Amino acid sequence: MAAAIIVITLAAAALIGIMSRRRAVSGDLASWSIGGRSFGTVLFWVLAAGEIYSTATFLGASGGAYSLGAAAMWTTAYGTIAMCLGYLYLPRLWRYANDHGLMTQADYFAHRFNSRWIGALFGVVGVAFMIPYIEIQLLGFGQILEVTTKGALPREASMLVAFAVVAVFVYLSGMHATALVSILKDILMVAAIVIVGVWIPLHYFGSYASVVDKVQDQHPGLLALNGLTEQHTSLWMMTTLIGSGLAFFMFPHSTAAIFSAKSEHTVRRNMVFLPFYSVLLFLPVLVGLTALLVIPGIQGPASNGVLLNLTVETLPPWLVGVVGAGGALAAIVPVSLLVLQSATQLSKNVFRDAFAPNASDGSVLRMSRIMVLVVMGVSLTIALTAPTLLVNLLQIGQVGVSQFVPAVLLGLFWKRLSTAATMAGAAVGLGLVAWSVLTSTPIVLGCNIGFVALAVNLTVTVVGSLVVASDVAEEKTPEGVAA
C-alpha cells in the first residue's frame, strides 16, 4: 500500500507540473525561469519555505539529533534567523531585480558590477555549488522510497523516477511547475512531520518529557552544548546560526525564488510570517532522540535513516505511504528549482553573456531546456556511480555560498563598494572554505569555518573598498543602490 500511495502522489505531481504549462507565457524566458514575477503570497510562500521542509528536514535533523544531540538544534533555528535578516534586505533585492529586469543571481552580479564576465564567473560557481546539492536530494529521494516501500521501489530505480518526473515538468513548465507542486509538497510534508513527530515518541514512551528524561539518563551530556565534544560550544552554535542564516538565500535557486514574487510587499510580508513555519522542526529532532533509545548503535551517515526506520517499524502501511510521499516530494521540489536555475544560469549568464551576447531570449530558453536534461543527467550519473565523490564539494557549497554575502548585501547598500575588493574578498573567503574541507577543519577558534571565512571576506572587501579608489565610481553605480 505504501508503494501505491507514493506512486500515485508522484504521478499527481508530474501531472500538476505538466498542466501548469498553461500558466506560463510560451517562449518567454522570464515566465519559464522566474514565473514572470507573478507569484503572490501563497506561491511565493511555498517557494521561499522550500529549504525549511526538504529531505534535510526528514533525514538530517533526526540523524543529527541521534548523533550530536543538542548540537543538532541549529537546524531548527537558522531558518528563522534567515527570515529576520531577509526582511531587511530581500525587498530591496527584489526591487533592484525588477527595476533592471534581472532573472538570475548571476544577473545581479553582472549588473551591479557592470561586467558580464563577473556574472558568468558567479554563474559557474553557483552551479558548482548546486550540482552536489541536487545529488544529495536524489540520494535522499532514493533512500526514502527504498525504505518506506521495503524495497519495492529500489534506490536506483527511484532516482530514475525522480529524473523523469523533474525533467519532464521543468522542461515544459519551468518555475510555474515548481511552485504548484510545492503546494502539494508542503501539505504532505507538514502532515508527515506531524504524524511521525507525534506518533513515534508517544508510541514508545508516552510523552515527550519521558523521551528527554531517558536520553538524559542514558546519554549524559548529549542534550547540552559541549556535552559530547569540546568543539560544539555555544560560540560554535551562534556562529553556525549566523552564518547559516546569512547563507540561506545566497544559493542561486533561493535568489530566483525571491525574484518570482509579484511585489516587494509580498516578499516583506512572507518574511514576517515564514518563521512560524519553522515551529514544527523540533519534531524530527525528537524522533531522532527516540531512535537513539529504541535502535541504538547506528554510526556515521547511516544515522540519517533512523526516522525512516522507525516509521516503517511503527506506523501502519498507509501512513508510511503518506510519510514516504511527503519525503519524496520534499526532494523533488528542491531538485526542480535547483535544476531550473542551474540550466538558466549556464545558458543565460555563461553561454549568452560570455560567448554569444546577441543570442535572443528564445534561443536562451531553448538552450536552458536542453541544459535541464544535461544537469539532471550529470547529477544522476554521479549519484548512481560515485555518490561519495562530491561530498567535499557539497561541504564547500553549504558554507561557500555564504561568501556571496558581501557582494549581495554591500552591493545593495553601499555605493562605494569596489569590484576588485569584492572579488578579492570572495576569493579569500572561498579559499578558506576550500582549505577547511581539504584539511577537515570545520571549526576554527571555536567558530564555524563559514563564519570565519565570511568575516575575513568582509574585512578584505570593506578595507579594500575604503583604501583603493572604487573601480565602480559612485556616479556609475546602478540605480537602486542605497548610499
Protein backbone atom coordinates (compact mmCIF):
# COMPACT_ATOMS: atom_id res chain seq x y z
CA MET A 1 0.00 0.00 0.00
CA ALA A 2 2.83 2.42 0.81
CA ALA A 3 4.34 1.97 -2.65
CA ALA A 4 0.97 2.59 -4.31
CA ILE A 5 0.40 5.83 -2.37
CA ILE A 6 3.87 7.08 -3.27
CA VAL A 7 3.49 6.22 -6.96
CA ILE A 8 0.08 7.92 -7.13
CA THR A 9 1.50 11.02 -5.44
CA LEU A 10 4.43 11.23 -7.84
CA ALA A 11 2.09 10.79 -10.80
CA ALA A 12 -0.11 13.58 -9.44
CA ALA A 13 2.93 15.83 -9.01
CA ALA A 14 4.02 15.17 -12.59
CA LEU A 15 0.51 15.89 -13.88
CA ILE A 16 0.28 19.14 -11.89
CA GLY A 17 3.66 20.18 -13.23
CA ILE A 18 2.74 19.46 -16.84
CA MET A 19 -0.68 21.11 -16.55
CA SER A 20 0.92 24.25 -15.12
CA ARG A 21 2.38 24.89 -18.57
CA ARG A 22 -0.86 26.70 -19.37
CA ARG A 23 0.04 29.37 -16.79
CA ALA A 24 3.34 30.16 -18.49
CA VAL A 25 3.77 32.52 -21.43
CA SER A 26 5.06 30.45 -24.34
CA GLY A 27 8.58 31.40 -25.40
CA ASP A 28 9.08 33.88 -22.55
CA LEU A 29 12.30 33.24 -20.63
CA ALA A 30 11.18 35.28 -17.60
CA SER A 31 7.92 33.33 -17.37
CA TRP A 32 9.75 29.99 -17.56
CA SER A 33 12.64 30.83 -15.21
CA ILE A 34 11.03 33.03 -12.52
CA GLY A 35 7.30 32.69 -13.17
CA GLY A 36 7.07 36.12 -14.79
CA ARG A 37 7.41 37.77 -11.34
CA SER A 38 3.75 36.93 -10.78
CA PHE A 39 3.66 34.83 -7.61
CA GLY A 40 1.50 36.11 -4.79
CA THR A 41 1.60 35.27 -1.11
CA VAL A 42 0.78 31.54 -1.35
CA LEU A 43 3.03 30.55 -4.25
CA PHE A 44 5.89 32.68 -3.02
CA TRP A 45 5.41 31.24 0.48
CA VAL A 46 5.91 27.64 -0.64
CA LEU A 47 8.92 28.54 -2.78
CA ALA A 48 10.66 30.64 -0.13
CA ALA A 49 9.98 27.99 2.51
CA GLY A 50 11.33 25.20 0.34
CA GLU A 51 14.58 24.86 2.26
CA ILE A 52 12.76 24.62 5.60
CA TYR A 53 10.97 21.41 4.67
CA SER A 54 13.23 19.32 2.46
CA THR A 55 14.90 15.92 2.75
CA ALA A 56 17.32 17.63 5.14
CA THR A 57 14.37 18.06 7.49
CA PHE A 58 13.34 14.46 7.11
CA LEU A 59 16.75 12.86 7.33
CA GLY A 60 19.26 15.44 8.56
CA ALA A 61 17.54 16.85 11.64
CA SER A 62 16.66 13.45 13.10
CA GLY A 63 20.05 11.98 12.18
CA GLY A 64 21.84 14.97 13.67
CA ALA A 65 19.89 14.66 16.92
CA TYR A 66 20.71 10.94 17.03
CA SER A 67 24.45 11.58 16.63
CA LEU A 68 25.04 15.02 18.13
CA GLY A 69 22.14 15.75 20.46
CA ALA A 70 21.87 19.43 21.34
CA ALA A 71 24.35 20.41 18.64
CA ALA A 72 21.75 19.48 16.02
CA MET A 73 19.32 22.11 17.28
CA TRP A 74 20.80 24.68 14.91
CA THR A 75 18.66 23.07 12.19
CA THR A 76 15.52 24.28 13.95
CA ALA A 77 16.58 27.92 14.26
CA TYR A 78 18.64 29.07 11.28
CA GLY A 79 15.60 29.44 9.02
CA THR A 80 14.03 31.92 11.43
CA ILE A 81 17.25 33.94 11.53
CA ALA A 82 17.31 33.91 7.72
CA MET A 83 13.77 35.32 7.55
CA CYS A 84 14.54 38.06 10.07
CA LEU A 85 17.61 39.09 8.08
CA GLY A 86 15.69 38.69 4.83
CA TYR A 87 13.09 41.19 5.99
CA LEU A 88 15.83 43.82 5.96
CA TYR A 89 17.33 43.27 2.51
CA LEU A 90 15.24 40.95 0.32
CA PRO A 91 12.58 43.57 -0.59
CA ARG A 92 15.37 45.84 -1.84
CA LEU A 93 16.93 42.95 -3.77
CA TRP A 94 13.55 42.21 -5.40
CA ARG A 95 13.11 45.90 -6.30
CA TYR A 96 16.59 46.06 -7.81
CA ALA A 97 15.94 42.93 -9.89
CA ASN A 98 12.54 44.16 -11.01
CA ASP A 99 13.83 47.62 -11.98
CA HIS A 100 16.63 46.17 -14.07
CA GLY A 101 14.90 43.07 -15.46
CA LEU A 102 17.15 40.55 -13.70
CA MET A 103 16.23 36.85 -13.75
CA THR A 104 19.14 35.07 -12.03
CA GLN A 105 21.54 35.67 -9.19
CA ALA A 106 24.35 35.90 -11.76
CA ASP A 107 22.36 38.66 -13.50
CA TYR A 108 22.59 40.66 -10.28
CA PHE A 109 26.36 40.31 -10.06
CA ALA A 110 26.81 41.17 -13.75
CA HIS A 111 24.63 44.27 -13.50
CA ARG A 112 25.79 45.52 -10.11
CA PHE A 113 29.49 45.25 -11.02
CA ASN A 114 29.00 46.21 -14.66
CA SER A 115 30.71 43.09 -16.01
CA ARG A 116 29.13 40.17 -17.84
CA TRP A 117 32.30 38.17 -17.13
CA ILE A 118 31.79 38.58 -13.39
CA GLY A 119 28.22 37.41 -13.90
CA ALA A 120 29.46 34.40 -15.85
CA LEU A 121 32.04 33.59 -13.15
CA PHE A 122 29.48 33.76 -10.35
CA GLY A 123 27.12 31.76 -12.57
CA VAL A 124 29.61 28.91 -12.89
CA VAL A 125 30.50 28.97 -9.18
CA GLY A 126 26.81 28.99 -8.26
CA VAL A 127 26.09 25.96 -10.45
CA ALA A 128 29.11 24.18 -8.98
CA PHE A 129 27.54 24.65 -5.55
CA MET A 130 24.10 23.47 -6.74
CA ILE A 131 25.00 20.23 -8.56
CA PRO A 132 26.14 18.33 -5.43
CA TYR A 133 23.03 19.69 -3.69
CA ILE A 134 20.96 18.08 -6.45
CA GLU A 135 22.85 14.83 -5.95
CA ILE A 136 22.15 14.79 -2.22
CA GLN A 137 18.44 15.35 -2.84
CA LEU A 138 18.39 12.48 -5.36
CA LEU A 139 20.15 10.18 -2.89
CA GLY A 140 17.68 11.18 -0.19
CA PHE A 141 14.78 10.54 -2.57
CA GLY A 142 16.12 7.07 -3.32
CA GLN A 143 16.63 6.24 0.35
CA ILE A 144 13.16 7.43 1.33
CA LEU A 145 11.41 5.38 -1.33
CA GLU A 146 13.52 2.27 -0.81
CA VAL A 147 13.00 2.19 2.96
CA THR A 148 9.33 3.22 3.10
CA THR A 149 8.36 0.68 0.41
CA LYS A 150 10.58 -2.03 1.97
CA GLY A 151 12.49 -2.44 -1.26
CA ALA A 152 9.51 -2.48 -3.63
CA LEU A 153 10.97 0.69 -5.18
CA PRO A 154 14.77 0.15 -5.17
CA ARG A 155 17.02 3.14 -4.64
CA GLU A 156 18.48 3.24 -8.14
CA ALA A 157 15.11 2.84 -9.84
CA SER A 158 13.65 5.52 -7.57
CA MET A 159 16.29 8.01 -8.63
CA LEU A 160 15.48 7.29 -12.28
CA VAL A 161 11.85 8.07 -11.47
CA ALA A 162 12.92 11.37 -9.90
CA PHE A 163 14.90 12.19 -13.05
CA ALA A 164 11.88 11.54 -15.26
CA VAL A 165 9.40 13.49 -13.13
CA VAL A 166 11.62 16.55 -12.68
CA ALA A 167 12.97 16.62 -16.23
CA VAL A 168 9.51 16.46 -17.81
CA PHE A 169 7.71 19.14 -15.82
CA VAL A 170 10.65 21.54 -15.52
CA TYR A 171 11.40 21.22 -19.25
CA LEU A 172 7.81 22.03 -20.13
CA SER A 173 6.65 24.42 -17.42
CA GLY A 174 9.64 25.81 -15.52
CA MET A 175 9.03 27.80 -12.35
CA HIS A 176 5.23 27.53 -12.58
CA ALA A 177 5.51 23.75 -12.21
CA THR A 178 7.84 24.01 -9.23
CA ALA A 179 5.53 26.47 -7.46
CA LEU A 180 2.33 24.47 -7.92
CA VAL A 181 3.93 21.15 -6.98
CA SER A 182 5.34 22.92 -3.89
CA ILE A 183 1.81 23.36 -2.58
CA LEU A 184 1.21 19.61 -2.67
CA LYS A 185 4.66 19.02 -1.20
CA ASP A 186 4.12 21.34 1.74
CA ILE A 187 0.74 19.82 2.60
CA LEU A 188 2.15 16.28 2.61
CA MET A 189 5.42 17.25 4.26
CA VAL A 190 3.78 19.04 7.17
CA ALA A 191 1.38 16.11 7.58
CA ALA A 192 4.28 13.66 7.52
CA ILE A 193 6.29 15.60 10.11
CA VAL A 194 3.31 15.86 12.44
CA ILE A 195 2.50 12.16 12.02
CA VAL A 196 5.99 10.88 12.81
CA GLY A 197 6.76 13.60 15.35
CA VAL A 198 3.65 12.91 17.40
CA TRP A 199 3.09 9.20 16.84
CA ILE A 200 6.59 7.75 17.25
CA PRO A 201 7.78 9.36 20.53
CA LEU A 202 4.39 8.89 22.20
CA HIS A 203 4.10 5.31 20.92
CA TYR A 204 7.33 4.26 22.60
CA PHE A 205 7.50 6.44 25.72
CA GLY A 206 4.09 8.03 26.28
CA SER A 207 5.28 11.64 26.46
CA TYR A 208 7.99 13.92 25.18
CA ALA A 209 9.19 14.51 28.73
CA SER A 210 9.87 10.78 29.10
CA VAL A 211 11.97 10.81 25.93
CA VAL A 212 14.08 13.70 27.18
CA ASP A 213 14.45 12.22 30.68
CA LYS A 214 15.55 8.82 29.36
CA VAL A 215 18.06 10.35 26.94
CA GLN A 216 19.50 12.42 29.77
CA ASP A 217 19.76 9.32 31.99
CA GLN A 218 21.26 7.01 29.35
CA HIS A 219 23.38 9.55 27.47
CA PRO A 220 24.55 12.22 29.94
CA GLY A 221 25.75 15.36 28.22
CA LEU A 222 24.04 14.68 24.90
CA LEU A 223 21.42 17.35 25.48
CA ALA A 224 23.93 20.07 26.37
CA LEU A 225 26.26 22.00 24.11
CA ASN A 226 29.84 20.88 24.60
CA GLY A 227 28.43 17.80 26.29
CA LEU A 228 29.98 15.25 23.93
CA THR A 229 32.85 17.15 22.32
CA GLU A 230 34.83 20.28 23.07
CA GLN A 231 34.05 21.66 19.62
CA HIS A 232 30.29 22.14 19.75
CA THR A 233 30.20 25.07 22.14
CA SER A 234 27.76 27.95 22.41
CA LEU A 235 30.19 30.04 20.32
CA TRP A 236 30.11 27.40 17.60
CA MET A 237 26.31 27.33 17.77
CA MET A 238 25.98 31.12 17.48
CA THR A 239 28.41 31.40 14.57
CA THR A 240 26.75 28.48 12.80
CA LEU A 241 23.33 30.07 13.18
CA ILE A 242 24.50 33.47 11.95
CA GLY A 243 26.45 32.02 9.04
CA SER A 244 23.68 29.65 8.01
CA GLY A 245 21.06 32.37 8.36
CA LEU A 246 23.04 34.70 6.10
CA ALA A 247 23.65 31.92 3.57
CA PHE A 248 20.00 30.78 3.43
CA PHE A 249 19.05 33.00 0.48
CA MET A 250 22.50 33.02 -1.13
CA PHE A 251 22.02 29.85 -3.17
CA PRO A 252 21.11 30.89 -6.74
CA HIS A 253 17.84 28.95 -6.65
CA SER A 254 16.79 30.75 -3.46
CA THR A 255 17.52 34.11 -5.06
CA ALA A 256 15.38 33.12 -8.06
CA ALA A 257 12.52 32.29 -5.70
CA ILE A 258 12.73 35.87 -4.39
CA PHE A 259 12.64 37.24 -7.94
CA SER A 260 9.44 35.28 -8.64
CA ALA A 261 7.37 37.36 -6.17
CA LYS A 262 4.94 39.85 -7.70
CA SER A 263 5.95 42.72 -5.40
CA GLU A 264 8.39 43.69 -2.69
CA HIS A 265 5.42 43.83 -0.31
CA THR A 266 4.83 40.12 -0.98
CA VAL A 267 8.45 39.42 -0.06
CA ARG A 268 8.32 41.52 3.11
CA ARG A 269 5.00 40.06 4.30
CA ASN A 270 6.25 36.50 3.86
CA MET A 271 9.43 37.23 5.78
CA VAL A 272 7.22 38.23 8.73
CA PHE A 273 5.20 35.02 8.80
CA LEU A 274 7.62 32.38 7.48
CA PRO A 275 9.36 31.93 10.87
CA PHE A 276 6.15 30.34 12.15
CA TYR A 277 6.77 27.64 9.56
CA SER A 278 9.84 26.53 11.49
CA VAL A 279 7.87 25.68 14.63
CA LEU A 280 7.44 22.02 13.68
CA LEU A 281 11.15 21.41 13.10
CA PHE A 282 11.66 20.24 16.66
CA LEU A 283 9.57 17.13 15.90
CA PRO A 284 12.18 15.37 13.71
CA VAL A 285 14.72 16.14 16.44
CA LEU A 286 12.51 14.37 18.99
CA VAL A 287 12.18 11.41 16.63
CA GLY A 288 15.97 11.26 16.41
CA LEU A 289 16.24 11.18 20.21
CA THR A 290 13.56 8.49 20.33
CA ALA A 291 15.51 6.43 17.81
CA LEU A 292 18.62 6.73 19.96
CA LEU A 293 16.76 4.91 22.73
CA VAL A 294 14.95 2.36 20.55
CA ILE A 295 17.64 1.47 17.97
CA PRO A 296 21.00 2.48 19.50
CA GLY A 297 24.41 1.85 17.99
CA ILE A 298 23.99 3.26 14.48
CA GLN A 299 27.13 5.07 13.36
CA GLY A 300 28.07 7.58 10.68
CA PRO A 301 25.85 8.55 7.74
CA ALA A 302 23.53 5.61 8.45
CA SER A 303 22.08 7.66 11.32
CA ASN A 304 20.28 9.80 8.72
CA GLY A 305 17.92 6.89 8.15
CA VAL A 306 16.71 6.46 11.74
CA LEU A 307 13.46 8.39 11.16
CA LEU A 308 12.60 6.17 8.20
CA ASN A 309 13.48 3.01 10.11
CA LEU A 310 11.17 3.89 13.00
CA THR A 311 8.45 5.00 10.59
CA VAL A 312 8.38 1.62 8.85
CA GLU A 313 8.51 -0.30 12.14
CA THR A 314 5.85 1.76 13.93
CA LEU A 315 3.23 3.17 11.56
CA PRO A 316 0.53 1.33 9.58
CA PRO A 317 1.34 0.90 5.85
CA TRP A 318 -0.95 3.65 4.60
CA LEU A 319 0.62 6.21 6.93
CA VAL A 320 4.06 5.01 5.89
CA GLY A 321 2.91 5.78 2.34
CA VAL A 322 1.91 9.32 3.32
CA VAL A 323 5.26 9.89 5.02
CA GLY A 324 7.12 8.44 2.04
CA ALA A 325 5.12 10.58 -0.39
CA GLY A 326 5.84 13.73 1.61
CA GLY A 327 9.52 12.88 1.81
CA ALA A 328 9.68 12.14 -1.91
CA LEU A 329 8.17 15.50 -2.85
CA ALA A 330 10.47 17.18 -0.33
CA ALA A 331 13.30 16.06 -2.62
CA ILE A 332 11.53 16.59 -5.95
CA VAL A 333 10.68 20.27 -5.40
CA PRO A 334 14.17 21.47 -4.38
CA VAL A 335 15.70 19.44 -7.22
CA SER A 336 13.36 21.04 -9.75
CA LEU A 337 14.26 24.55 -8.57
CA LEU A 338 17.98 23.73 -8.43
CA VAL A 339 17.95 22.26 -11.93
CA LEU A 340 15.89 25.12 -13.31
CA GLN A 341 18.30 27.76 -12.05
CA SER A 342 21.42 25.79 -12.95
CA ALA A 343 20.15 25.49 -16.51
CA THR A 344 19.17 29.17 -16.70
CA GLN A 345 22.49 30.46 -15.36
CA LEU A 346 24.52 28.23 -17.67
CA SER A 347 22.51 29.28 -20.71
CA LYS A 348 21.89 32.95 -19.97
CA ASN A 349 24.91 34.05 -17.96
CA VAL A 350 27.61 31.74 -19.30
CA PHE A 351 26.58 30.90 -22.88
CA ARG A 352 24.97 34.20 -23.90
CA ASP A 353 26.65 36.80 -21.71
CA ALA A 354 30.16 35.39 -22.11
CA PHE A 355 30.14 33.90 -25.61
CA ALA A 356 27.01 34.85 -27.59
CA PRO A 357 25.79 38.30 -26.49
CA ASN A 358 23.47 38.60 -29.49
CA ALA A 359 21.51 35.42 -28.73
CA SER A 360 17.78 36.04 -28.26
CA ASP A 361 15.74 35.13 -25.19
CA GLY A 362 14.09 32.44 -27.31
CA SER A 363 17.47 30.86 -28.07
CA VAL A 364 18.45 31.03 -24.40
CA LEU A 365 15.14 29.43 -23.40
CA ARG A 366 15.67 26.56 -25.85
CA MET A 367 19.20 26.01 -24.58
CA SER A 368 18.00 26.23 -20.96
CA ARG A 369 15.53 23.43 -21.57
CA ILE A 370 18.28 21.29 -23.04
CA MET A 371 20.51 22.12 -20.07
CA VAL A 372 17.77 20.87 -17.73
CA LEU A 373 18.33 17.40 -19.16
CA VAL A 374 22.11 17.80 -19.08
CA VAL A 375 22.27 18.98 -15.46
CA MET A 376 19.86 16.26 -14.32
CA GLY A 377 21.80 13.66 -16.28
CA VAL A 378 25.15 14.67 -14.80
CA SER A 379 23.78 14.76 -11.25
CA LEU A 380 22.00 11.42 -11.64
CA THR A 381 25.08 9.75 -13.13
CA ILE A 382 27.26 10.87 -10.23
CA ALA A 383 24.61 9.85 -7.68
CA LEU A 384 24.36 6.37 -9.22
CA THR A 385 28.03 5.67 -9.92
CA ALA A 386 30.11 7.62 -7.41
CA PRO A 387 27.94 9.15 -4.70
CA THR A 388 30.85 9.97 -2.41
CA LEU A 389 32.93 11.95 -4.91
CA LEU A 390 31.09 15.22 -4.29
CA VAL A 391 30.96 15.11 -0.50
CA ASN A 392 33.75 17.67 -0.18
CA LEU A 393 32.18 19.88 -2.83
CA LEU A 394 28.86 19.72 -1.01
CA GLN A 395 30.52 20.87 2.19
CA ILE A 396 32.16 23.71 0.28
CA GLY A 397 28.78 24.60 -1.20
CA GLN A 398 26.95 24.81 2.10
CA VAL A 399 29.32 27.37 3.57
CA GLY A 400 30.67 28.57 0.22
CA VAL A 401 27.54 30.44 -0.80
CA SER A 402 27.85 32.47 2.39
CA GLN A 403 30.84 34.09 0.69
CA PHE A 404 28.38 35.79 -1.69
CA VAL A 405 27.02 37.83 1.24
CA PRO A 406 29.32 40.88 0.91
CA ALA A 407 28.72 41.14 -2.84
CA VAL A 408 24.95 40.96 -2.36
CA LEU A 409 24.40 43.00 0.79
CA LEU A 410 27.10 45.61 0.37
CA GLY A 411 26.25 45.76 -3.30
CA LEU A 412 22.70 46.77 -2.40
CA PHE A 413 23.52 49.27 0.33
CA TRP A 414 26.96 50.77 -0.36
CA LYS A 415 27.76 52.75 -3.49
CA ARG A 416 31.49 52.90 -2.76
CA LEU A 417 31.86 49.12 -2.94
CA SER A 418 34.84 48.24 -5.13
CA THR A 419 34.59 45.45 -7.69
CA ALA A 420 38.24 44.48 -7.23
CA ALA A 421 37.92 44.40 -3.44
CA THR A 422 34.71 42.36 -3.67
CA MET A 423 36.35 39.80 -5.95
CA ALA A 424 39.42 39.63 -3.70
CA GLY A 425 37.28 39.14 -0.60
CA ALA A 426 35.24 36.40 -2.26
CA ALA A 427 38.41 34.64 -3.44
CA VAL A 428 39.95 34.71 0.04
CA GLY A 429 36.72 33.52 1.66
CA LEU A 430 36.22 30.67 -0.80
CA GLY A 431 39.88 29.74 -0.42
CA LEU A 432 39.47 29.42 3.36
CA VAL A 433 36.37 27.29 2.89
CA ALA A 434 38.23 25.00 0.46
CA TRP A 435 41.15 24.74 2.88
CA SER A 436 38.84 23.78 5.72
CA VAL A 437 37.31 20.96 3.71
CA LEU A 438 40.61 19.63 2.35
CA THR A 439 42.12 19.62 5.85
CA SER A 440 38.91 18.52 7.63
CA THR A 441 38.89 21.68 9.76
CA PRO A 442 35.24 22.71 10.15
CA ILE A 443 35.86 24.76 13.30
CA VAL A 444 38.47 27.49 13.79
CA LEU A 445 38.96 29.36 17.08
CA GLY A 446 35.74 27.77 18.29
CA CYS A 447 33.77 29.25 15.38
CA ASN A 448 32.13 27.71 12.35
CA ILE A 449 34.59 27.97 9.44
CA GLY A 450 31.94 29.52 7.21
CA PHE A 451 31.54 32.38 9.67
CA VAL A 452 35.32 32.85 9.96
CA ALA A 453 35.73 32.85 6.18
CA LEU A 454 32.88 35.34 5.83
CA ALA A 455 34.45 37.64 8.44
CA VAL A 456 37.77 37.61 6.56
CA ASN A 457 35.95 38.09 3.25
CA LEU A 458 34.01 41.05 4.63
CA THR A 459 37.15 42.62 6.09
CA VAL A 460 39.04 42.37 2.80
CA THR A 461 36.06 43.74 0.88
CA VAL A 462 35.41 46.72 3.17
CA VAL A 463 39.05 47.69 3.77
CA GLY A 464 39.85 47.26 0.09
CA SER A 465 36.93 49.45 -0.92
CA LEU A 466 37.95 52.16 1.56
CA VAL A 467 41.66 52.15 0.72
CA VAL A 468 41.53 51.70 -3.03
CA ALA A 469 39.57 54.11 -5.19
CA SER A 470 36.38 52.33 -6.23
CA ASP A 471 36.56 51.00 -9.78
CA VAL A 472 32.77 51.40 -9.91
CA ALA A 473 32.58 55.15 -9.43
CA GLU A 474 29.66 56.34 -7.33
CA GLU A 475 28.11 58.17 -10.27
CA LYS A 476 28.21 54.93 -12.29
CA THR A 477 26.66 52.80 -9.60
CA PRO A 478 23.41 51.26 -10.92
CA GLU A 479 20.21 52.92 -9.82
CA GLY A 480 18.64 51.26 -6.79
CA VAL A 481 21.77 51.06 -4.61
CA ALA A 482 21.49 52.93 -1.31
CA ALA A 483 24.11 55.39 -0.09
